[in-house]
C-alpha atoms as a PDB file:
ATOM      1  CA  MET A   1      17.898 -20.599  24.349  1.00  0.00           C
ATOM      2  CA  GLN A   2      20.135 -20.424  21.275  1.00  0.00           C
ATOM      3  CA  PRO A   3      21.576 -17.532  19.210  1.00  0.00           C
ATOM      4  CA  LEU A   4      19.926 -17.809  15.803  1.00  0.00           C
ATOM      5  CA  LEU A   5      18.475 -15.469  13.161  1.00  0.00           C
ATOM      6  CA  GLY A   6      20.388 -12.508  14.583  1.00  0.00           C
ATOM      7  CA  THR A   7      18.653 -12.797  17.948  1.00  0.00           C
ATOM      8  CA  PHE A   8      18.115 -15.247  20.795  1.00  0.00           C
ATOM      9  CA  VAL A   9      15.552 -17.971  20.228  1.00  0.00           C
ATOM     10  CA  THR A  10      13.644 -19.568  23.111  1.00  0.00           C
ATOM     11  CA  ILE A  11      11.578 -22.729  22.763  1.00  0.00           C
ATOM     12  CA  ARG A  12       9.287 -24.208  25.403  1.00  0.00           C
ATOM     13  CA  ALA A  13       7.252 -27.384  24.947  1.00  0.00           C
ATOM     14  CA  GLN A  14       5.128 -29.802  26.917  1.00  0.00           C
ATOM     15  CA  GLY A  15       4.021 -33.283  25.911  1.00  0.00           C
ATOM     16  CA  GLN A  16       1.129 -35.367  27.090  1.00  0.00           C
ATOM     17  CA  GLU A  17       1.095 -36.525  30.684  1.00  0.00           C
ATOM     18  CA  GLY A  18       3.572 -39.327  31.154  1.00  0.00           C
ATOM     19  CA  VAL A  19       5.698 -38.480  28.116  1.00  0.00           C
ATOM     20  CA  PRO A  20       9.390 -39.002  28.966  1.00  0.00           C
ATOM     21  CA  GLU A  21      11.442 -35.832  29.353  1.00  0.00           C
ATOM     22  CA  SER A  22      13.818 -37.185  26.725  1.00  0.00           C
ATOM     23  CA  GLU A  23      11.051 -36.965  24.096  1.00  0.00           C
ATOM     24  CA  VAL A  24      10.368 -33.333  24.974  1.00  0.00           C
ATOM     25  CA  THR A  25      14.077 -32.536  24.846  1.00  0.00           C
ATOM     26  CA  GLY A  26      14.350 -34.283  21.482  1.00  0.00           C
ATOM     27  CA  ALA A  27      11.416 -32.321  20.091  1.00  0.00           C
ATOM     28  CA  VAL A  28      12.895 -29.019  21.222  1.00  0.00           C
ATOM     29  CA  SER A  29      16.280 -29.942  19.738  1.00  0.00           C
ATOM     30  CA  ALA A  30      14.645 -30.811  16.410  1.00  0.00           C
ATOM     31  CA  ALA A  31      12.773 -27.491  16.459  1.00  0.00           C
ATOM     32  CA  PHE A  32      16.038 -25.601  16.959  1.00  0.00           C
ATOM     33  CA  SER A  33      17.512 -27.562  14.048  1.00  0.00           C
ATOM     34  CA  ALA A  34      14.650 -26.451  11.798  1.00  0.00           C
ATOM     35  CA  ILE A  35      15.335 -22.816  12.660  1.00  0.00           C
ATOM     36  CA  ALA A  36      19.048 -23.286  12.007  1.00  0.00           C
ATOM     37  CA  ARG A  37      18.202 -24.753   8.612  1.00  0.00           C
ATOM     38  CA  VAL A  38      16.131 -21.700   7.690  1.00  0.00           C
ATOM     39  CA  GLN A  39      19.085 -19.531   8.690  1.00  0.00           C
ATOM     40  CA  ARG A  40      21.461 -21.524   6.461  1.00  0.00           C
ATOM     41  CA  LEU A  41      19.096 -21.323   3.514  1.00  0.00           C
ATOM     42  CA  MET A  42      18.014 -17.679   3.715  1.00  0.00           C
ATOM     43  CA  SER A  43      20.856 -15.775   5.368  1.00  0.00           C
ATOM     44  CA  PHE A  44      22.046 -12.628   3.594  1.00  0.00           C
ATOM     45  CA  HIS A  45      25.416 -13.122   5.284  1.00  0.00           C
ATOM     46  CA  ARG A  46      26.214 -16.536   3.773  1.00  0.00           C
ATOM     47  CA  HIS A  47      27.520 -16.753   0.212  1.00  0.00           C
ATOM     48  CA  ASP A  48      26.366 -20.366  -0.039  1.00  0.00           C
ATOM     49  CA  SER A  49      22.765 -19.723   1.095  1.00  0.00           C
ATOM     50  CA  ASP A  50      19.958 -19.611  -1.435  1.00  0.00           C
ATOM     51  CA  VAL A  51      19.725 -15.854  -0.877  1.00  0.00           C
ATOM     52  CA  GLY A  52      23.480 -15.433  -1.297  1.00  0.00           C
ATOM     53  CA  ARG A  53      23.390 -17.351  -4.575  1.00  0.00           C
ATOM     54  CA  LEU A  54      20.478 -15.284  -5.882  1.00  0.00           C
ATOM     55  CA  ASN A  55      22.242 -12.042  -4.952  1.00  0.00           C
ATOM     56  CA  ARG A  56      25.307 -13.106  -6.940  1.00  0.00           C
ATOM     57  CA  ALA A  57      23.346 -14.321  -9.951  1.00  0.00           C
ATOM     58  CA  ARG A  58      23.579 -12.534 -13.267  1.00  0.00           C
ATOM     59  CA  PRO A  59      20.443 -11.574 -15.192  1.00  0.00           C
ATOM     60  CA  GLY A  60      19.156 -14.510 -17.197  1.00  0.00           C
ATOM     61  CA  CYS A  61      20.259 -17.119 -14.669  1.00  0.00           C
ATOM     62  CA  HIS A  62      17.917 -19.869 -13.499  1.00  0.00           C
ATOM     63  CA  LEU A  63      18.678 -21.147 -10.008  1.00  0.00           C
ATOM     64  CA  ARG A  64      17.117 -24.006  -8.083  1.00  0.00           C
ATOM     65  CA  VAL A  65      16.417 -23.224  -4.422  1.00  0.00           C
ATOM     66  CA  HIS A  66      15.161 -25.245  -1.475  1.00  0.00           C
ATOM     67  CA  ARG A  67      11.393 -25.670  -1.242  1.00  0.00           C
ATOM     68  CA  TRP A  68      11.372 -23.615   1.969  1.00  0.00           C
ATOM     69  CA  THR A  69      13.107 -20.717   0.247  1.00  0.00           C
ATOM     70  CA  SER A  70      10.698 -21.024  -2.672  1.00  0.00           C
ATOM     71  CA  ALA A  71       7.738 -20.940  -0.262  1.00  0.00           C
ATOM     72  CA  VAL A  72       9.020 -17.778   1.438  1.00  0.00           C
ATOM     73  CA  LEU A  73       9.720 -16.073  -1.893  1.00  0.00           C
ATOM     74  CA  SER A  74       6.238 -17.013  -3.113  1.00  0.00           C
ATOM     75  CA  GLU A  75       4.608 -15.516  -0.021  1.00  0.00           C
ATOM     76  CA  ALA A  76       6.801 -12.420  -0.271  1.00  0.00           C
ATOM     77  CA  LEU A  77       5.783 -11.874  -3.891  1.00  0.00           C
ATOM     78  CA  GLN A  78       2.090 -12.286  -3.028  1.00  0.00           C
ATOM     79  CA  LEU A  79       2.404  -9.727  -0.232  1.00  0.00           C
ATOM     80  CA  HIS A  80       4.345  -7.430  -2.548  1.00  0.00           C
ATOM     81  CA  MET A  81       1.476  -7.411  -5.027  1.00  0.00           C
ATOM     82  CA  ALA A  82      -1.289  -7.236  -2.415  1.00  0.00           C
ATOM     83  CA  SER A  83       0.387  -4.268  -0.676  1.00  0.00           C
ATOM     84  CA  ALA A  84       0.908  -2.337  -3.935  1.00  0.00           C
ATOM     85  CA  GLY A  85       4.658  -2.772  -3.618  1.00  0.00           C
ATOM     86  CA  ALA A  86       5.014  -1.685   0.011  1.00  0.00           C
ATOM     87  CA  PHE A  87       6.430  -5.067   1.017  1.00  0.00           C
ATOM     88  CA  ASP A  88       9.576  -5.632  -1.014  1.00  0.00           C
ATOM     89  CA  CYS A  89      12.549  -7.833  -0.135  1.00  0.00           C
ATOM     90  CA  ASN A  90      14.815  -6.348  -2.821  1.00  0.00           C
ATOM     91  CA  VAL A  91      16.147  -3.709  -0.416  1.00  0.00           C
ATOM     92  CA  GLY A  92      19.402  -5.253   0.766  1.00  0.00           C
ATOM     93  CA  ARG A  93      21.429  -2.478  -0.871  1.00  0.00           C
ATOM     94  CA  VAL A  94      19.806   0.109   1.426  1.00  0.00           C
ATOM     95  CA  LEU A  95      20.547  -1.932   4.547  1.00  0.00           C
ATOM     96  CA  VAL A  96      24.143  -2.495   3.429  1.00  0.00           C
ATOM     97  CA  ARG A  97      24.526   1.231   2.871  1.00  0.00           C
ATOM     98  CA  GLY A  98      23.144   1.859   6.356  1.00  0.00           C
ATOM     99  CA  GLY A  99      25.538  -0.597   7.963  1.00  0.00           C
ATOM    100  CA  LEU A 100      22.803  -3.055   8.992  1.00  0.00           C
ATOM    101  CA  LEU A 101      23.987  -5.769   6.613  1.00  0.00           C
ATOM    102  CA  PRO A 102      27.598  -6.696   5.770  1.00  0.00           C
ATOM    103  CA  ARG A 103      29.338  -5.152   2.773  1.00  0.00           C
ATOM    104  CA  SER A 104      30.577  -8.536   1.632  1.00  0.00           C
ATOM    105  CA  ARG A 105      29.830  -7.853  -2.022  1.00  0.00           C
ATOM    106  CA  PRO A 106      30.574  -4.215  -2.997  1.00  0.00           C
ATOM    107  CA  ALA A 107      28.437  -4.509  -6.138  1.00  0.00           C
ATOM    108  CA  VAL A 108      25.324  -4.912  -4.005  1.00  0.00           C
ATOM    109  CA  VAL A 109      25.248  -1.226  -3.044  1.00  0.00           C
ATOM    110  CA  GLY A 110      25.127  -0.029  -6.605  1.00  0.00           C
ATOM    111  CA  ARG A 111      22.510  -2.384  -7.932  1.00  0.00           C
ATOM    112  CA  SER A 112      19.206  -1.269  -9.402  1.00  0.00           C
ATOM    113  CA  LYS A 113      16.123  -0.200  -7.482  1.00  0.00           C
ATOM    114  CA  THR A 114      13.928  -2.666  -9.364  1.00  0.00           C
ATOM    115  CA  SER A 115      11.074  -4.191  -7.392  1.00  0.00           C
ATOM    116  CA  MET A 116      11.344  -7.876  -6.527  1.00  0.00           C
ATOM    117  CA  SER A 117       8.359  -8.728  -8.720  1.00  0.00           C
ATOM    118  CA  ARG A 118      10.233  -7.446 -11.784  1.00  0.00           C
ATOM    119  CA  ALA A 119      13.596  -8.834 -10.761  1.00  0.00           C
ATOM    120  CA  ILE A 120      12.683 -12.484 -10.107  1.00  0.00           C
ATOM    121  CA  ARG A 121      10.145 -15.012 -11.333  1.00  0.00           C
ATOM    122  CA  LEU A 122       9.295 -18.299  -9.644  1.00  0.00           C
ATOM    123  CA  ALA A 123       8.986 -21.416 -11.756  1.00  0.00           C
ATOM    124  CA  GLU A 124       8.118 -25.042 -11.094  1.00  0.00           C
ATOM    125  CA  GLY A 125      10.507 -27.337  -9.269  1.00  0.00           C
ATOM    126  CA  GLY A 126      11.903 -24.661  -6.980  1.00  0.00           C
ATOM    127  CA  ARG A 127      13.511 -22.721  -9.814  1.00  0.00           C
ATOM    128  CA  VAL A 128      13.967 -18.954  -9.659  1.00  0.00           C
ATOM    129  CA  ASN A 129      14.467 -17.010 -12.872  1.00  0.00           C
ATOM    130  CA  VAL A 130      16.594 -13.913 -12.252  1.00  0.00           C
ATOM    131  CA  ALA A 131      15.596 -11.145 -14.669  1.00  0.00           C
ATOM    132  CA  GLN A 132      17.693  -8.379 -13.096  1.00  0.00           C
ATOM    133  CA  ARG A 133      20.426  -8.107 -10.484  1.00  0.00           C
ATOM    134  CA  VAL A 134      18.992  -8.341  -6.987  1.00  0.00           C
ATOM    135  CA  SER A 135      19.957  -7.602  -3.412  1.00  0.00           C
ATOM    136  CA  LEU A 136      17.388  -9.709  -1.597  1.00  0.00           C
ATOM    137  CA  ASP A 137      17.048  -9.630   2.165  1.00  0.00           C
ATOM    138  CA  LEU A 138      14.420 -11.987   3.581  1.00  0.00           C
ATOM    139  CA  GLY A 139      14.955 -10.797   7.142  1.00  0.00           C
ATOM    140  CA  GLY A 140      11.491  -9.250   7.240  1.00  0.00           C
ATOM    141  CA  ILE A 141       9.692 -12.538   6.634  1.00  0.00           C
ATOM    142  CA  ALA A 142      12.044 -15.514   7.065  1.00  0.00           C
ATOM    143  CA  LYS A 143      12.278 -15.191  10.846  1.00  0.00           C
ATOM    144  CA  GLY A 144       8.535 -15.678  11.109  1.00  0.00           C
ATOM    145  CA  PHE A 145       8.740 -18.623   8.728  1.00  0.00           C
ATOM    146  CA  ALA A 146      11.448 -20.175  10.910  1.00  0.00           C
ATOM    147  CA  VAL A 147       9.195 -19.880  13.962  1.00  0.00           C
ATOM    148  CA  ASP A 148       6.362 -21.578  12.060  1.00  0.00           C
ATOM    149  CA  GLN A 149       8.658 -24.428  11.053  1.00  0.00           C
ATOM    150  CA  ALA A 150       9.774 -24.928  14.643  1.00  0.00           C
ATOM    151  CA  VAL A 151       6.143 -25.118  15.772  1.00  0.00           C
ATOM    152  CA  ARG A 152       5.397 -27.615  13.013  1.00  0.00           C
ATOM    153  CA  VAL A 153       8.227 -29.822  14.276  1.00  0.00           C
ATOM    154  CA  LEU A 154       7.032 -29.632  17.884  1.00  0.00           C
ATOM    155  CA  ARG A 155       3.505 -30.614  16.912  1.00  0.00           C
ATOM    156  CA  SER A 156       4.725 -33.437  14.675  1.00  0.00           C
ATOM    157  CA  ARG A 157       6.672 -34.772  17.669  1.00  0.00           C
ATOM    158  CA  GLY A 158       3.492 -34.919  19.736  1.00  0.00           C
ATOM    159  CA  MET A 159       3.929 -31.786  21.836  1.00  0.00           C
ATOM    160  CA  GLN A 160       0.587 -30.598  23.202  1.00  0.00           C
ATOM    161  CA  SER A 161       1.604 -27.038  23.980  1.00  0.00           C
ATOM    162  CA  GLY A 162       4.536 -24.768  23.534  1.00  0.00           C
ATOM    163  CA  LEU A 163       5.962 -21.407  22.595  1.00  0.00           C
ATOM    164  CA  VAL A 164       8.662 -20.400  20.127  1.00  0.00           C
ATOM    165  CA  ASN A 165      10.047 -16.882  20.558  1.00  0.00           C
ATOM    166  CA  ALA A 166      12.630 -15.467  18.131  1.00  0.00           C
ATOM    167  CA  GLY A 167      13.356 -11.990  19.431  1.00  0.00           C
ATOM    168  CA  GLY A 168       9.692 -11.018  19.708  1.00  0.00           C
ATOM    169  CA  ASP A 169       8.431 -13.002  16.717  1.00  0.00           C
ATOM    170  CA  LEU A 170       6.563 -15.765  18.485  1.00  0.00           C
ATOM    171  CA  TYR A 171       3.945 -18.468  18.160  1.00  0.00           C
ATOM    172  CA  ALA A 172       2.055 -20.012  21.070  1.00  0.00           C
ATOM    173  CA  PHE A 173       0.000 -23.179  20.865  1.00  0.00           C
ATOM    174  CA  GLY A 174      -1.918 -25.351  23.288  1.00  0.00           C
ATOM    175  CA  SER A 175      -4.947 -25.100  25.551  1.00  0.00           C
ATOM    176  CA  ALA A 176      -3.615 -22.323  27.822  1.00  0.00           C
ATOM    177  CA  PRO A 177      -3.334 -18.727  26.535  1.00  0.00           C
ATOM    178  CA  GLN A 178       0.123 -17.138  26.848  1.00  0.00           C
ATOM    179  CA  GLU A 179       0.702 -13.584  28.053  1.00  0.00           C
ATOM    180  CA  ILE A 180       2.341 -11.387  25.415  1.00  0.00           C
ATOM    181  CA  TRP A 181       4.694  -8.658  26.557  1.00  0.00           C
ATOM    182  CA  VAL A 182       6.433  -6.083  24.340  1.00  0.00           C
ATOM    183  CA  ARG A 183       8.934  -3.338  25.052  1.00  0.00           C
ATOM    184  CA  CYS A 184       7.624   0.171  25.656  1.00  0.00           C
ATOM    185  CA  PRO A 185       8.915   2.332  22.772  1.00  0.00           C
ATOM    186  CA  LYS A 186       9.710   5.321  25.001  1.00  0.00           C
ATOM    187  CA  SER A 187      11.312   3.166  27.687  1.00  0.00           C
ATOM    188  CA  PRO A 188      12.636  -0.028  26.044  1.00  0.00           C
ATOM    189  CA  THR A 189      13.798  -1.536  29.322  1.00  0.00           C
ATOM    190  CA  ASP A 190      10.154  -1.625  30.480  1.00  0.00           C
ATOM    191  CA  MET A 191       7.629  -4.171  29.242  1.00  0.00           C
ATOM    192  CA  LYS A 192       3.912  -3.823  28.547  1.00  0.00           C
ATOM    193  CA  LEU A 193       1.286  -6.553  28.448  1.00  0.00           C
ATOM    194  CA  ILE A 194      -0.614  -6.299  25.149  1.00  0.00           C
ATOM    195  CA  GLY A 195      -2.827  -9.349  25.526  1.00  0.00           C
ATOM    196  CA  ARG A 196      -2.914 -13.127  25.550  1.00  0.00           C
ATOM    197  CA  LEU A 197      -2.279 -15.444  22.656  1.00  0.00           C
ATOM    198  CA  GLN A 198      -3.566 -18.939  21.990  1.00  0.00           C
ATOM    199  CA  ASN A 199      -2.769 -20.945  18.848  1.00  0.00           C
ATOM    200  CA  GLY A 200      -1.535 -17.953  16.940  1.00  0.00           C
ATOM    201  CA  ALA A 201       1.409 -15.677  16.266  1.00  0.00           C
ATOM    202  CA  VAL A 202       2.519 -12.145  17.022  1.00  0.00           C
ATOM    203  CA  ALA A 203       5.434 -10.073  15.735  1.00  0.00           C
ATOM    204  CA  THR A 204       6.599  -6.569  16.554  1.00  0.00           C
ATOM    205  CA  SER A 205       8.600  -3.962  14.643  1.00  0.00           C
ATOM    206  CA  ALA A 206      10.116  -0.937  16.361  1.00  0.00           C
ATOM    207  CA  SER A 207      13.267   1.207  16.646  1.00  0.00           C
ATOM    208  CA  TYR A 208      13.983   0.605  20.319  1.00  0.00           C
ATOM    209  CA  PHE A 209      17.749   1.034  20.310  1.00  0.00           C
ATOM    210  CA  ALA A 210      18.349   2.893  17.033  1.00  0.00           C
ATOM    211  CA  SER A 211      21.455   5.074  17.188  1.00  0.00           C
ATOM    212  CA  ASN A 212      20.630   7.285  14.214  1.00  0.00           C
ATOM    213  CA  LEU A 213      17.639   9.186  12.904  1.00  0.00           C
ATOM    214  CA  GLY A 214      15.800   9.102   9.609  1.00  0.00           C
ATOM    215  CA  ASN A 215      15.019  12.116   7.455  1.00  0.00           C
ATOM    216  CA  ASP A 216      11.834  12.673   9.474  1.00  0.00           C
ATOM    217  CA  GLY A 217      13.757  12.956  12.743  1.00  0.00           C
ATOM    218  CA  LYS A 218      12.393   9.674  14.077  1.00  0.00           C
ATOM    219  CA  ALA A 219      14.548   6.733  15.058  1.00  0.00           C
ATOM    220  CA  ALA A 220      15.505   4.966  11.814  1.00  0.00           C
ATOM    221  CA  SER A 221      14.312   1.381  11.722  1.00  0.00           C
ATOM    222  CA  ALA A 222      15.459  -1.531   9.587  1.00  0.00           C
ATOM    223  CA  ILE A 223      12.280  -1.173   7.505  1.00  0.00           C
ATOM    224  CA  VAL A 224      12.901   0.249   4.045  1.00  0.00           C
ATOM    225  CA  ASN A 225      10.507   2.283   1.924  1.00  0.00           C
ATOM    226  CA  PRO A 226      11.131   0.600  -1.448  1.00  0.00           C
ATOM    227  CA  ARG A 227       9.820   3.540  -3.450  1.00  0.00           C
ATOM    228  CA  HIS A 228      12.210   6.069  -1.897  1.00  0.00           C
ATOM    229  CA  GLN A 229      14.952   3.547  -1.065  1.00  0.00           C
ATOM    230  CA  ARG A 230      15.257   4.893   2.477  1.00  0.00           C
ATOM    231  CA  ARG A 231      14.855   3.448   5.942  1.00  0.00           C
ATOM    232  CA  VAL A 232      11.761   4.757   7.679  1.00  0.00           C
ATOM    233  CA  GLY A 233      11.433   6.192  11.146  1.00  0.00           C
ATOM    234  CA  LEU A 234       9.057   4.624  13.645  1.00  0.00           C
ATOM    235  CA  PRO A 235       7.700   6.830  16.457  1.00  0.00           C
ATOM    236  CA  GLY A 236       6.410   3.796  18.362  1.00  0.00           C
ATOM    237  CA  SER A 237       6.009   0.084  17.823  1.00  0.00           C
ATOM    238  CA  VAL A 238       3.746  -1.974  15.582  1.00  0.00           C
ATOM    239  CA  SER A 239       2.625  -5.464  16.613  1.00  0.00           C
ATOM    240  CA  VAL A 240       0.534  -7.754  14.442  1.00  0.00           C
ATOM    241  CA  VAL A 241      -1.325 -10.829  15.644  1.00  0.00           C
ATOM    242  CA  ALA A 242      -1.954 -13.347  12.847  1.00  0.00           C
ATOM    243  CA  LYS A 243      -2.596 -17.021  12.183  1.00  0.00           C
ATOM    244  CA  SER A 244       1.039 -17.648  11.203  1.00  0.00           C
ATOM    245  CA  CYS A 245       4.282 -16.041  12.321  1.00  0.00           C
ATOM    246  CA  LEU A 246       5.411 -15.559   8.726  1.00  0.00           C
ATOM    247  CA  GLN A 247       2.371 -13.389   8.165  1.00  0.00           C
ATOM    248  CA  ALA A 248       2.707 -11.516  11.463  1.00  0.00           C
ATOM    249  CA  ASP A 249       6.388 -10.805  10.753  1.00  0.00           C
ATOM    250  CA  ALA A 250       5.805  -9.468   7.248  1.00  0.00           C
ATOM    251  CA  LEU A 251       2.643  -7.522   8.043  1.00  0.00           C
ATOM    252  CA  THR A 252       4.348  -5.334  10.637  1.00  0.00           C
ATOM    253  CA  LYS A 253       6.408  -3.895   7.765  1.00  0.00           C
ATOM    254  CA  ILE A 254       3.326  -3.184   5.666  1.00  0.00           C
ATOM    255  CA  VAL A 255       1.618  -1.396   8.566  1.00  0.00           C
ATOM    256  CA  ALA A 256       4.759   0.632   9.255  1.00  0.00           C
ATOM    257  CA  LEU A 257       4.941   1.741   5.612  1.00  0.00           C
ATOM    258  CA  ARG A 258       1.263   2.162   4.739  1.00  0.00           C
ATOM    259  CA  GLY A 259      -0.258   2.977   8.107  1.00  0.00           C
ATOM    260  CA  SER A 260      -2.744   0.104   7.859  1.00  0.00           C
ATOM    261  CA  LEU A 261      -3.275  -3.275   6.235  1.00  0.00           C
ATOM    262  CA  PRO A 262      -5.165  -3.739   2.985  1.00  0.00           C
ATOM    263  CA  ALA A 263      -8.468  -5.463   3.769  1.00  0.00           C
ATOM    264  CA  SER A 264      -7.624  -8.486   1.636  1.00  0.00           C
ATOM    265  CA  ILE A 265      -4.387  -9.118   3.534  1.00  0.00           C
ATOM    266  CA  GLN A 266      -6.037  -8.568   6.903  1.00  0.00           C
ATOM    267  CA  ARG A 267      -8.791 -11.077   6.156  1.00  0.00           C
ATOM    268  CA  ARG A 268      -6.421 -13.705   4.793  1.00  0.00           C
ATOM    269  CA  ALA A 269      -4.092 -13.520   7.797  1.00  0.00           C
ATOM    270  CA  ARG A 270      -6.891 -12.927  10.333  1.00  0.00           C
ATOM    271  CA  ALA A 271      -4.677 -10.089  11.510  1.00  0.00           C
ATOM    272  CA  THR A 272      -5.048  -7.622  14.361  1.00  0.00           C
ATOM    273  CA  VAL A 273      -2.806  -4.554  14.635  1.00  0.00           C
ATOM    274  CA  ILE A 274      -1.620  -3.222  17.997  1.00  0.00           C
ATOM    275  CA  ARG A 275       0.288   0.053  18.266  1.00  0.00           C
ATOM    276  CA  LEU A 276       2.252   1.483  21.171  1.00  0.00           C
END
């Protein structure tokens, strides 16, 4: 277990029979390194991350980012369009204002409410064209991407089965299904079995330990309604099972904001929604 991505990450892996324990340990270590790399590239907190550089960029700038960051931004923009704007990563200013992200750059709070699709454009070679000032936070999608990258590393190292769990965003692979437990929204110290997972991902969004309430009287989550620029309240939890953890992670936000998934997104991700 290691503290990464604002949570604790657990990785389990098993190689073929007879594989030395040192190879398994090496694979797990490499998987943790992949997650740490995602954190360095996409952290809102770091000024030298790709996200930090984009958030400091002036309109008209053209920045080159890592191919992983470009891939996450591309997926985020596709989901933004497919969800009619419900999924939007240009909401950092709201989370800073709510104390969920650091006020390291005072200008962030006052920046425009422009959607991410109008604020940035992706170009070839990992270039991002910044049309307007942004306050990007990839926390709603990058954690799932990090889990996927860790799984990719484990498989490339010959691991036959395993599980990567980043604070409830998890991917399980191998021949044996894994039990999936989530916190009960009304009693977060209790756990509930929601099913079994094999070669797929699940992510959950909730407001288990929120200390303040939204305008609707429900516990205010870290999910932002981009149209109203406010954090939304969640009466329960939303879990999404999907073919990748990136998709599962992001789709919980769309369900929380829209109430359901657009059919096109659901088919593409092979997604199933579970509510508690």
